């Protein structure tokens, strides 16, 4: 019998580590393996597409390499490895509340809102803004566990 398949929402900070050598990259690669093996249901917001491009530009990647990588990421999405969630009115309105209540940046609030409104079990991020105790308590009350990238061993299958 196959074990439980958790739903995880990924912040762009995790995806970037698939392609760049950064701290905690090994954990990001484990998540990519989980997705490839269909061990998790992975969710990302559409803003991940633009944030990923920006992160690679900021890292001074060559444009041709960025386009190649973005096409690869699009292929992963098209093949069903990752559910791409569009920012609709509900996500935007919930994000507004998160911005006001928790002083989050807009993109951070959209990722967090996506985790909440998709009923994700876990929200995984390498971004310290997502891992503040007060926000973590709110998420937990809503059934979402905020997990630092280095803490993915706590995810239950």
N, C-alpha and C. Protein backbone atom coordinates (compact mmCIF):
# COMPACT_ATOMS: atom_id res chain seq x y z
N UNK A 1 0.84 -1.18 0.00
CA UNK A 1 0.00 0.00 0.00
C UNK A 1 0.88 1.25 0.00
N UNK A 2 0.52 2.19 -0.86
CA UNK A 2 1.29 3.41 -0.95
C UNK A 2 0.94 4.33 0.21
N UNK A 3 1.95 5.04 0.73
CA UNK A 3 1.75 5.94 1.86
C UNK A 3 1.01 7.21 1.46
N UNK A 4 0.75 8.02 2.44
CA UNK A 4 0.08 9.31 2.25
C UNK A 4 0.91 10.21 1.35
N UNK A 5 0.25 10.95 0.47
CA UNK A 5 0.92 11.87 -0.46
C UNK A 5 0.62 13.31 -0.03
N UNK A 6 1.54 13.93 0.71
CA UNK A 6 1.28 15.29 1.20
C UNK A 6 1.24 16.32 0.08
N UNK A 7 0.44 17.36 0.29
CA UNK A 7 0.40 18.49 -0.64
C UNK A 7 1.34 19.55 -0.09
N UNK A 8 2.29 19.96 -0.92
CA UNK A 8 3.28 20.95 -0.51
C UNK A 8 3.23 22.16 -1.45
N UNK A 9 3.21 23.33 -0.87
CA UNK A 9 3.37 24.56 -1.65
C UNK A 9 4.82 24.99 -1.51
N UNK A 10 5.44 25.31 -2.64
CA UNK A 10 6.84 25.70 -2.64
C UNK A 10 6.98 27.19 -2.92
N UNK A 11 7.77 27.84 -2.10
CA UNK A 11 8.17 29.21 -2.37
C UNK A 11 9.23 29.18 -3.46
N UNK A 12 9.34 30.25 -4.21
CA UNK A 12 10.33 30.33 -5.29
C UNK A 12 11.74 30.11 -4.77
N UNK A 13 11.99 30.46 -3.53
CA UNK A 13 13.34 30.29 -2.95
C UNK A 13 13.79 28.83 -2.99
N UNK A 14 12.85 27.90 -2.96
CA UNK A 14 13.17 26.47 -3.06
C UNK A 14 13.50 26.11 -4.50
N UNK A 15 12.70 26.55 -5.43
CA UNK A 15 12.89 26.24 -6.85
C UNK A 15 14.23 26.77 -7.35
N UNK A 16 14.57 27.98 -6.94
CA UNK A 16 15.84 28.59 -7.38
C UNK A 16 17.01 27.68 -7.03
N UNK A 17 16.94 27.04 -5.87
CA UNK A 17 18.04 26.19 -5.41
C UNK A 17 18.17 24.91 -6.24
N UNK A 18 17.19 24.57 -7.05
CA UNK A 18 17.33 23.44 -7.96
C UNK A 18 18.39 23.73 -9.00
N UNK A 19 18.57 25.01 -9.31
CA UNK A 19 19.41 25.42 -10.42
C UNK A 19 20.65 26.21 -10.02
N UNK A 20 20.71 26.66 -8.77
CA UNK A 20 21.85 27.44 -8.29
C UNK A 20 22.46 26.76 -7.07
N UNK A 21 23.77 26.82 -6.97
CA UNK A 21 24.44 26.27 -5.80
C UNK A 21 24.36 27.29 -4.68
N UNK A 22 23.47 27.01 -3.73
CA UNK A 22 23.24 27.88 -2.58
C UNK A 22 23.14 27.01 -1.34
N UNK A 23 23.13 27.66 -0.18
CA UNK A 23 22.94 26.93 1.07
C UNK A 23 21.64 26.13 1.01
N UNK A 24 21.67 24.93 1.57
CA UNK A 24 20.51 24.04 1.67
C UNK A 24 20.03 23.50 0.33
N UNK A 25 20.86 23.61 -0.69
CA UNK A 25 20.47 23.11 -2.01
C UNK A 25 20.13 21.61 -1.97
N UNK A 26 20.84 20.88 -1.13
CA UNK A 26 20.60 19.42 -1.07
C UNK A 26 19.16 19.10 -0.69
N UNK A 27 18.55 19.94 0.15
CA UNK A 27 17.15 19.73 0.54
C UNK A 27 16.21 20.05 -0.61
N UNK A 28 16.53 21.09 -1.36
CA UNK A 28 15.72 21.45 -2.52
C UNK A 28 15.76 20.32 -3.55
N UNK A 29 16.91 19.70 -3.71
CA UNK A 29 17.02 18.60 -4.67
C UNK A 29 16.25 17.37 -4.21
N UNK A 30 16.17 17.17 -2.91
CA UNK A 30 15.33 16.07 -2.38
C UNK A 30 13.87 16.33 -2.74
N UNK A 31 13.42 17.56 -2.60
CA UNK A 31 12.04 17.90 -2.95
C UNK A 31 11.81 17.66 -4.44
N UNK A 32 12.76 18.07 -5.27
CA UNK A 32 12.63 17.84 -6.72
C UNK A 32 12.51 16.35 -7.00
N UNK A 33 13.26 15.54 -6.26
CA UNK A 33 13.17 14.08 -6.42
C UNK A 33 11.80 13.57 -6.00
N UNK A 34 11.26 14.09 -4.89
CA UNK A 34 9.91 13.71 -4.45
C UNK A 34 8.90 13.99 -5.55
N UNK A 35 9.04 15.15 -6.21
CA UNK A 35 8.11 15.53 -7.28
C UNK A 35 8.26 14.56 -8.45
N UNK A 36 9.48 14.28 -8.84
CA UNK A 36 9.75 13.36 -9.94
C UNK A 36 9.19 11.97 -9.67
N UNK A 37 9.30 11.54 -8.42
CA UNK A 37 8.81 10.21 -8.03
C UNK A 37 7.31 10.20 -7.73
N UNK A 38 6.65 11.36 -7.83
CA UNK A 38 5.22 11.50 -7.54
C UNK A 38 4.89 11.11 -6.10
N UNK A 39 5.80 11.46 -5.19
CA UNK A 39 5.60 11.19 -3.76
C UNK A 39 4.84 12.30 -3.05
N UNK A 40 4.76 13.47 -3.70
CA UNK A 40 4.07 14.63 -3.14
C UNK A 40 3.21 15.26 -4.22
N UNK A 41 2.23 16.02 -3.79
CA UNK A 41 1.49 16.87 -4.71
C UNK A 41 2.07 18.27 -4.53
N UNK A 42 2.77 18.75 -5.54
CA UNK A 42 3.47 20.03 -5.44
C UNK A 42 2.65 21.15 -6.07
N UNK A 43 2.67 22.31 -5.40
CA UNK A 43 1.91 23.48 -5.81
C UNK A 43 2.85 24.68 -5.82
N UNK A 44 2.74 25.51 -6.85
CA UNK A 44 3.42 26.80 -6.88
C UNK A 44 2.47 27.85 -7.43
N UNK A 45 2.69 29.09 -7.06
CA UNK A 45 1.94 30.21 -7.59
C UNK A 45 2.51 30.60 -8.95
N UNK A 46 1.67 31.20 -9.79
CA UNK A 46 2.15 31.67 -11.09
C UNK A 46 3.27 32.70 -10.96
N UNK A 47 3.32 33.41 -9.83
CA UNK A 47 4.39 34.40 -9.69
C UNK A 47 5.77 33.76 -9.60
N UNK A 48 5.80 32.46 -9.35
CA UNK A 48 7.08 31.74 -9.35
C UNK A 48 7.76 31.87 -10.71
N UNK A 49 6.98 31.90 -11.77
CA UNK A 49 7.56 31.98 -13.11
C UNK A 49 8.37 33.25 -13.29
N UNK A 50 7.85 34.37 -12.82
CA UNK A 50 8.59 35.63 -12.97
C UNK A 50 9.69 35.76 -11.92
N UNK A 51 9.42 35.28 -10.72
CA UNK A 51 10.45 35.36 -9.67
C UNK A 51 11.67 34.52 -10.02
N UNK A 52 11.45 33.37 -10.64
CA UNK A 52 12.56 32.51 -11.04
C UNK A 52 13.42 33.22 -12.09
N UNK A 53 12.77 33.83 -13.08
CA UNK A 53 13.52 34.57 -14.10
C UNK A 53 14.33 35.69 -13.46
N UNK A 54 13.72 36.42 -12.53
CA UNK A 54 14.41 37.53 -11.87
C UNK A 54 15.60 37.05 -11.05
N UNK A 55 15.42 35.94 -10.34
CA UNK A 55 16.52 35.41 -9.51
C UNK A 55 17.72 35.03 -10.38
N UNK A 56 17.47 34.47 -11.55
CA UNK A 56 18.56 34.07 -12.43
C UNK A 56 19.22 35.28 -13.09
N UNK A 57 18.43 36.29 -13.42
CA UNK A 57 19.01 37.54 -13.95
C UNK A 57 19.89 38.19 -12.89
N UNK A 58 19.38 38.21 -11.66
CA UNK A 58 20.12 38.81 -10.55
C UNK A 58 21.45 38.08 -10.32
N UNK A 59 21.44 36.76 -10.58
CA UNK A 59 22.66 35.96 -10.42
C UNK A 59 23.58 36.06 -11.64
N UNK A 60 23.19 36.90 -12.60
CA UNK A 60 23.99 37.18 -13.79
C UNK A 60 24.14 35.97 -14.72
N UNK A 61 23.09 35.17 -14.81
CA UNK A 61 23.09 34.07 -15.78
C UNK A 61 23.01 34.66 -17.18
N UNK A 62 23.50 33.92 -18.16
CA UNK A 62 23.36 34.32 -19.56
C UNK A 62 21.90 34.16 -19.95
N UNK A 63 21.42 35.09 -20.79
CA UNK A 63 20.01 35.06 -21.19
C UNK A 63 19.62 33.73 -21.82
N UNK A 64 20.47 33.19 -22.67
CA UNK A 64 20.16 31.91 -23.34
C UNK A 64 19.99 30.80 -22.30
N UNK A 65 20.81 30.80 -21.26
CA UNK A 65 20.71 29.79 -20.21
C UNK A 65 19.43 29.97 -19.39
N UNK A 66 19.06 31.21 -19.16
CA UNK A 66 17.81 31.48 -18.42
C UNK A 66 16.62 30.96 -19.21
N UNK A 67 16.58 31.27 -20.50
CA UNK A 67 15.46 30.80 -21.32
C UNK A 67 15.38 29.27 -21.35
N UNK A 68 16.53 28.65 -21.42
CA UNK A 68 16.57 27.18 -21.43
C UNK A 68 16.04 26.61 -20.11
N UNK A 69 16.46 27.19 -19.01
CA UNK A 69 16.00 26.74 -17.71
C UNK A 69 14.51 26.98 -17.52
N UNK A 70 14.02 28.15 -17.95
CA UNK A 70 12.60 28.46 -17.82
C UNK A 70 11.76 27.49 -18.66
N UNK A 71 12.27 27.12 -19.82
CA UNK A 71 11.57 26.13 -20.65
C UNK A 71 11.54 24.77 -19.95
N UNK A 72 12.63 24.40 -19.31
CA UNK A 72 12.68 23.15 -18.55
C UNK A 72 11.66 23.17 -17.42
N UNK A 73 11.58 24.28 -16.69
CA UNK A 73 10.62 24.40 -15.60
C UNK A 73 9.19 24.34 -16.14
N UNK A 74 8.93 25.00 -17.27
CA UNK A 74 7.61 24.91 -17.91
C UNK A 74 7.27 23.48 -18.28
N UNK A 75 8.26 22.73 -18.75
CA UNK A 75 8.03 21.32 -19.10
C UNK A 75 7.63 20.51 -17.87
N UNK A 76 8.28 20.76 -16.76
CA UNK A 76 7.93 20.05 -15.52
C UNK A 76 6.48 20.34 -15.15
N UNK A 77 6.08 21.59 -15.28
CA UNK A 77 4.70 21.97 -14.99
C UNK A 77 3.74 21.29 -15.97
N UNK A 78 4.04 21.36 -17.26
CA UNK A 78 3.17 20.77 -18.29
C UNK A 78 3.01 19.27 -18.12
N UNK A 79 4.05 18.62 -17.68
CA UNK A 79 4.01 17.17 -17.49
C UNK A 79 3.25 16.78 -16.22
N UNK A 80 2.79 17.76 -15.48
CA UNK A 80 1.96 17.48 -14.32
C UNK A 80 2.72 17.28 -13.03
N UNK A 81 4.02 17.56 -13.03
CA UNK A 81 4.80 17.40 -11.82
C UNK A 81 4.50 18.45 -10.77
N UNK A 82 4.05 19.61 -11.24
CA UNK A 82 3.76 20.72 -10.34
C UNK A 82 2.44 21.36 -10.77
N UNK A 83 1.58 21.62 -9.81
CA UNK A 83 0.33 22.32 -10.08
C UNK A 83 0.58 23.82 -10.01
N UNK A 84 0.30 24.50 -11.10
CA UNK A 84 0.48 25.94 -11.18
C UNK A 84 -0.84 26.61 -10.82
N UNK A 85 -0.81 27.41 -9.75
CA UNK A 85 -2.01 28.06 -9.23
C UNK A 85 -2.00 29.54 -9.62
N UNK A 86 -3.03 29.94 -10.33
CA UNK A 86 -3.14 31.33 -10.76
C UNK A 86 -3.56 32.22 -9.59
N UNK A 87 -3.07 33.43 -9.61
CA UNK A 87 -3.42 34.40 -8.58
C UNK A 87 -4.80 34.97 -8.94
N UNK A 88 -5.81 34.50 -8.21
CA UNK A 88 -7.17 34.99 -8.45
C UNK A 88 -7.55 35.98 -7.36
N UNK A 89 -8.82 36.42 -7.38
CA UNK A 89 -9.27 37.41 -6.40
C UNK A 89 -9.11 36.92 -4.96
N UNK A 90 -9.45 35.66 -4.71
CA UNK A 90 -9.37 35.13 -3.34
C UNK A 90 -7.93 35.12 -2.83
N UNK A 91 -7.02 34.67 -3.67
CA UNK A 91 -5.61 34.64 -3.26
C UNK A 91 -5.12 36.07 -3.03
N UNK A 92 -5.47 37.00 -3.92
CA UNK A 92 -5.03 38.38 -3.77
C UNK A 92 -5.61 39.02 -2.50
N UNK A 93 -6.88 38.78 -2.23
CA UNK A 93 -7.50 39.37 -1.03
C UNK A 93 -6.91 38.78 0.24
N UNK A 94 -6.66 37.48 0.25
CA UNK A 94 -6.03 36.86 1.41
C UNK A 94 -4.59 37.38 1.57
N UNK A 95 -3.91 37.57 0.45
CA UNK A 95 -2.54 38.11 0.50
C UNK A 95 -2.54 39.53 1.08
N UNK A 96 -3.54 40.33 0.72
CA UNK A 96 -3.63 41.68 1.28
C UNK A 96 -3.68 41.62 2.81
N UNK A 97 -4.50 40.71 3.31
CA UNK A 97 -4.63 40.58 4.76
C UNK A 97 -3.29 40.16 5.38
N UNK A 98 -2.60 39.24 4.74
CA UNK A 98 -1.30 38.80 5.25
C UNK A 98 -0.28 39.94 5.25
N UNK A 99 -0.34 40.79 4.24
CA UNK A 99 0.56 41.94 4.17
C UNK A 99 0.31 42.87 5.36
N UNK A 100 -0.95 43.16 5.62
CA UNK A 100 -1.30 44.08 6.70
C UNK A 100 -1.01 43.48 8.07
N UNK A 101 -1.40 42.22 8.26
CA UNK A 101 -1.28 41.59 9.57
C UNK A 101 0.14 41.13 9.91
N UNK A 102 0.93 40.79 8.88
CA UNK A 102 2.25 40.18 9.14
C UNK A 102 3.40 40.92 8.46
N UNK A 103 3.09 42.07 7.84
CA UNK A 103 4.12 42.89 7.22
C UNK A 103 4.95 42.11 6.20
N UNK A 104 4.27 41.27 5.41
CA UNK A 104 4.96 40.50 4.38
C UNK A 104 5.11 41.32 3.11
N UNK A 105 6.13 41.01 2.34
CA UNK A 105 6.23 41.55 0.99
C UNK A 105 5.12 40.93 0.15
N UNK A 106 4.75 41.60 -0.91
CA UNK A 106 3.64 41.16 -1.75
C UNK A 106 3.81 39.72 -2.24
N UNK A 107 4.95 39.41 -2.82
CA UNK A 107 5.16 38.05 -3.35
C UNK A 107 5.13 37.01 -2.24
N UNK A 108 5.71 37.34 -1.09
CA UNK A 108 5.68 36.40 0.04
C UNK A 108 4.25 36.14 0.48
N UNK A 109 3.44 37.19 0.48
CA UNK A 109 2.04 37.04 0.88
C UNK A 109 1.27 36.20 -0.14
N UNK A 110 1.57 36.35 -1.41
CA UNK A 110 0.88 35.56 -2.44
C UNK A 110 1.25 34.08 -2.30
N UNK A 111 2.51 33.77 -2.07
CA UNK A 111 2.92 32.37 -1.88
C UNK A 111 2.23 31.78 -0.65
N UNK A 112 2.21 32.54 0.42
CA UNK A 112 1.60 32.07 1.66
C UNK A 112 0.10 31.87 1.46
N UNK A 113 -0.54 32.81 0.82
CA UNK A 113 -1.97 32.71 0.53
C UNK A 113 -2.26 31.49 -0.35
N UNK A 114 -1.40 31.22 -1.30
CA UNK A 114 -1.56 30.05 -2.16
C UNK A 114 -1.54 28.77 -1.33
N UNK A 115 -0.62 28.70 -0.40
CA UNK A 115 -0.55 27.52 0.48
C UNK A 115 -1.84 27.34 1.27
N UNK A 116 -2.35 28.44 1.79
CA UNK A 116 -3.57 28.38 2.60
C UNK A 116 -4.77 27.96 1.76
N UNK A 117 -4.96 28.63 0.63
CA UNK A 117 -6.18 28.44 -0.15
C UNK A 117 -6.17 27.18 -1.03
N UNK A 118 -5.03 26.52 -1.14
CA UNK A 118 -5.00 25.22 -1.83
C UNK A 118 -5.07 24.07 -0.83
N UNK A 119 -5.27 24.41 0.45
CA UNK A 119 -5.32 23.39 1.51
C UNK A 119 -4.05 22.53 1.54
N UNK A 120 -2.93 23.19 1.36
CA UNK A 120 -1.66 22.47 1.42
C UNK A 120 -1.39 22.00 2.85
N UNK A 121 -0.72 20.88 2.94
CA UNK A 121 -0.31 20.37 4.25
C UNK A 121 0.93 21.13 4.75
N UNK A 122 1.79 21.49 3.79
CA UNK A 122 3.06 22.12 4.13
C UNK A 122 3.35 23.27 3.17
N UNK A 123 3.98 24.29 3.71
CA UNK A 123 4.48 25.41 2.92
C UNK A 123 5.99 25.44 3.17
N UNK A 124 6.76 25.16 2.13
CA UNK A 124 8.20 25.03 2.28
C UNK A 124 8.89 26.26 1.69
N UNK A 125 9.78 26.84 2.47
CA UNK A 125 10.45 28.07 2.04
C UNK A 125 11.85 28.15 2.66
N UNK A 126 12.72 28.81 1.94
CA UNK A 126 14.04 29.15 2.49
C UNK A 126 14.07 30.63 2.88
N UNK A 127 12.91 31.28 2.80
CA UNK A 127 12.77 32.70 3.07
C UNK A 127 12.38 32.92 4.52
N UNK A 128 13.18 33.68 5.24
CA UNK A 128 12.94 33.89 6.67
C UNK A 128 11.60 34.59 6.95
N UNK A 129 11.10 35.35 5.99
CA UNK A 129 9.81 36.05 6.19
C UNK A 129 8.67 35.05 6.39
N UNK A 130 8.77 33.92 5.73
CA UNK A 130 7.72 32.90 5.84
C UNK A 130 7.82 32.10 7.13
N UNK A 131 8.92 32.20 7.82
CA UNK A 131 9.18 31.32 8.95
C UNK A 131 9.09 32.02 10.30
N UNK A 132 8.52 33.21 10.31
CA UNK A 132 8.32 33.92 11.58
C UNK A 132 7.30 33.16 12.43
N UNK A 133 7.52 33.14 13.73
CA UNK A 133 6.67 32.36 14.63
C UNK A 133 5.20 32.74 14.54
N UNK A 134 4.91 34.03 14.56
CA UNK A 134 3.50 34.47 14.54
C UNK A 134 2.80 33.99 13.27
N UNK A 135 3.46 34.13 12.12
CA UNK A 135 2.87 33.66 10.87
C UNK A 135 2.75 32.14 10.88
N UNK A 136 3.75 31.47 11.41
CA UNK A 136 3.70 30.01 11.51
C UNK A 136 2.54 29.54 12.35
N UNK A 137 2.26 30.26 13.44
CA UNK A 137 1.11 29.91 14.29
C UNK A 137 -0.20 30.07 13.54
N UNK A 138 -0.32 31.16 12.77
CA UNK A 138 -1.54 31.40 11.98
C UNK A 138 -1.71 30.28 10.95
N UNK A 139 -0.64 29.97 10.25
CA UNK A 139 -0.71 28.90 9.25
C UNK A 139 -1.11 27.58 9.88
N UNK A 140 -0.49 27.26 11.00
CA UNK A 140 -0.78 26.00 11.70
C UNK A 140 -2.26 25.93 12.08
N UNK A 141 -2.81 27.04 12.56
CA UNK A 141 -4.24 27.10 12.91
C UNK A 141 -5.12 26.84 11.69
N UNK A 142 -4.60 27.14 10.50
CA UNK A 142 -5.34 26.93 9.25
C UNK A 142 -5.01 25.58 8.60
N UNK A 143 -4.21 24.78 9.29
CA UNK A 143 -3.90 23.44 8.79
C UNK A 143 -2.69 23.34 7.90
N UNK A 144 -1.89 24.41 7.81
CA UNK A 144 -0.69 24.42 6.98
C UNK A 144 0.52 24.55 7.89
N UNK A 145 1.48 23.67 7.71
CA UNK A 145 2.71 23.73 8.50
C UNK A 145 3.79 24.43 7.69
N UNK A 146 4.29 25.56 8.20
CA UNK A 146 5.41 26.25 7.56
C UNK A 146 6.69 25.50 7.90
N UNK A 147 7.43 25.10 6.87
CA UNK A 147 8.62 24.28 7.08
C UNK A 147 9.82 24.96 6.43
N UNK A 148 10.86 25.18 7.20
CA UNK A 148 12.08 25.69 6.57
C UNK A 148 12.65 24.61 5.65
N UNK A 149 13.29 25.02 4.60
CA UNK A 149 13.84 24.06 3.64
C UNK A 149 14.70 23.00 4.34
N UNK A 150 15.49 23.43 5.31
CA UNK A 150 16.37 22.48 6.01
C UNK A 150 15.60 21.57 6.95
N UNK A 151 14.29 21.80 7.13
CA UNK A 151 13.49 21.00 8.04
C UNK A 151 12.55 20.03 7.36
N UNK A 152 12.82 19.71 6.08
CA UNK A 152 11.87 18.87 5.33
C UNK A 152 11.77 17.44 5.85
N UNK A 153 12.69 17.03 6.71
CA UNK A 153 12.58 15.68 7.29
C UNK A 153 11.36 15.54 8.18
N UNK A 154 10.74 16.67 8.55
CA UNK A 154 9.54 16.63 9.40
C UNK A 154 8.27 16.34 8.59
N UNK A 155 8.38 16.34 7.26
CA UNK A 155 7.21 16.08 6.42
C UNK A 155 6.83 14.62 6.52
N UNK A 156 5.54 14.39 6.75
CA UNK A 156 5.02 13.03 6.95
C UNK A 156 4.42 12.51 5.67
N UNK A 157 4.80 11.27 5.34
CA UNK A 157 4.28 10.58 4.15
C UNK A 157 3.36 9.46 4.58
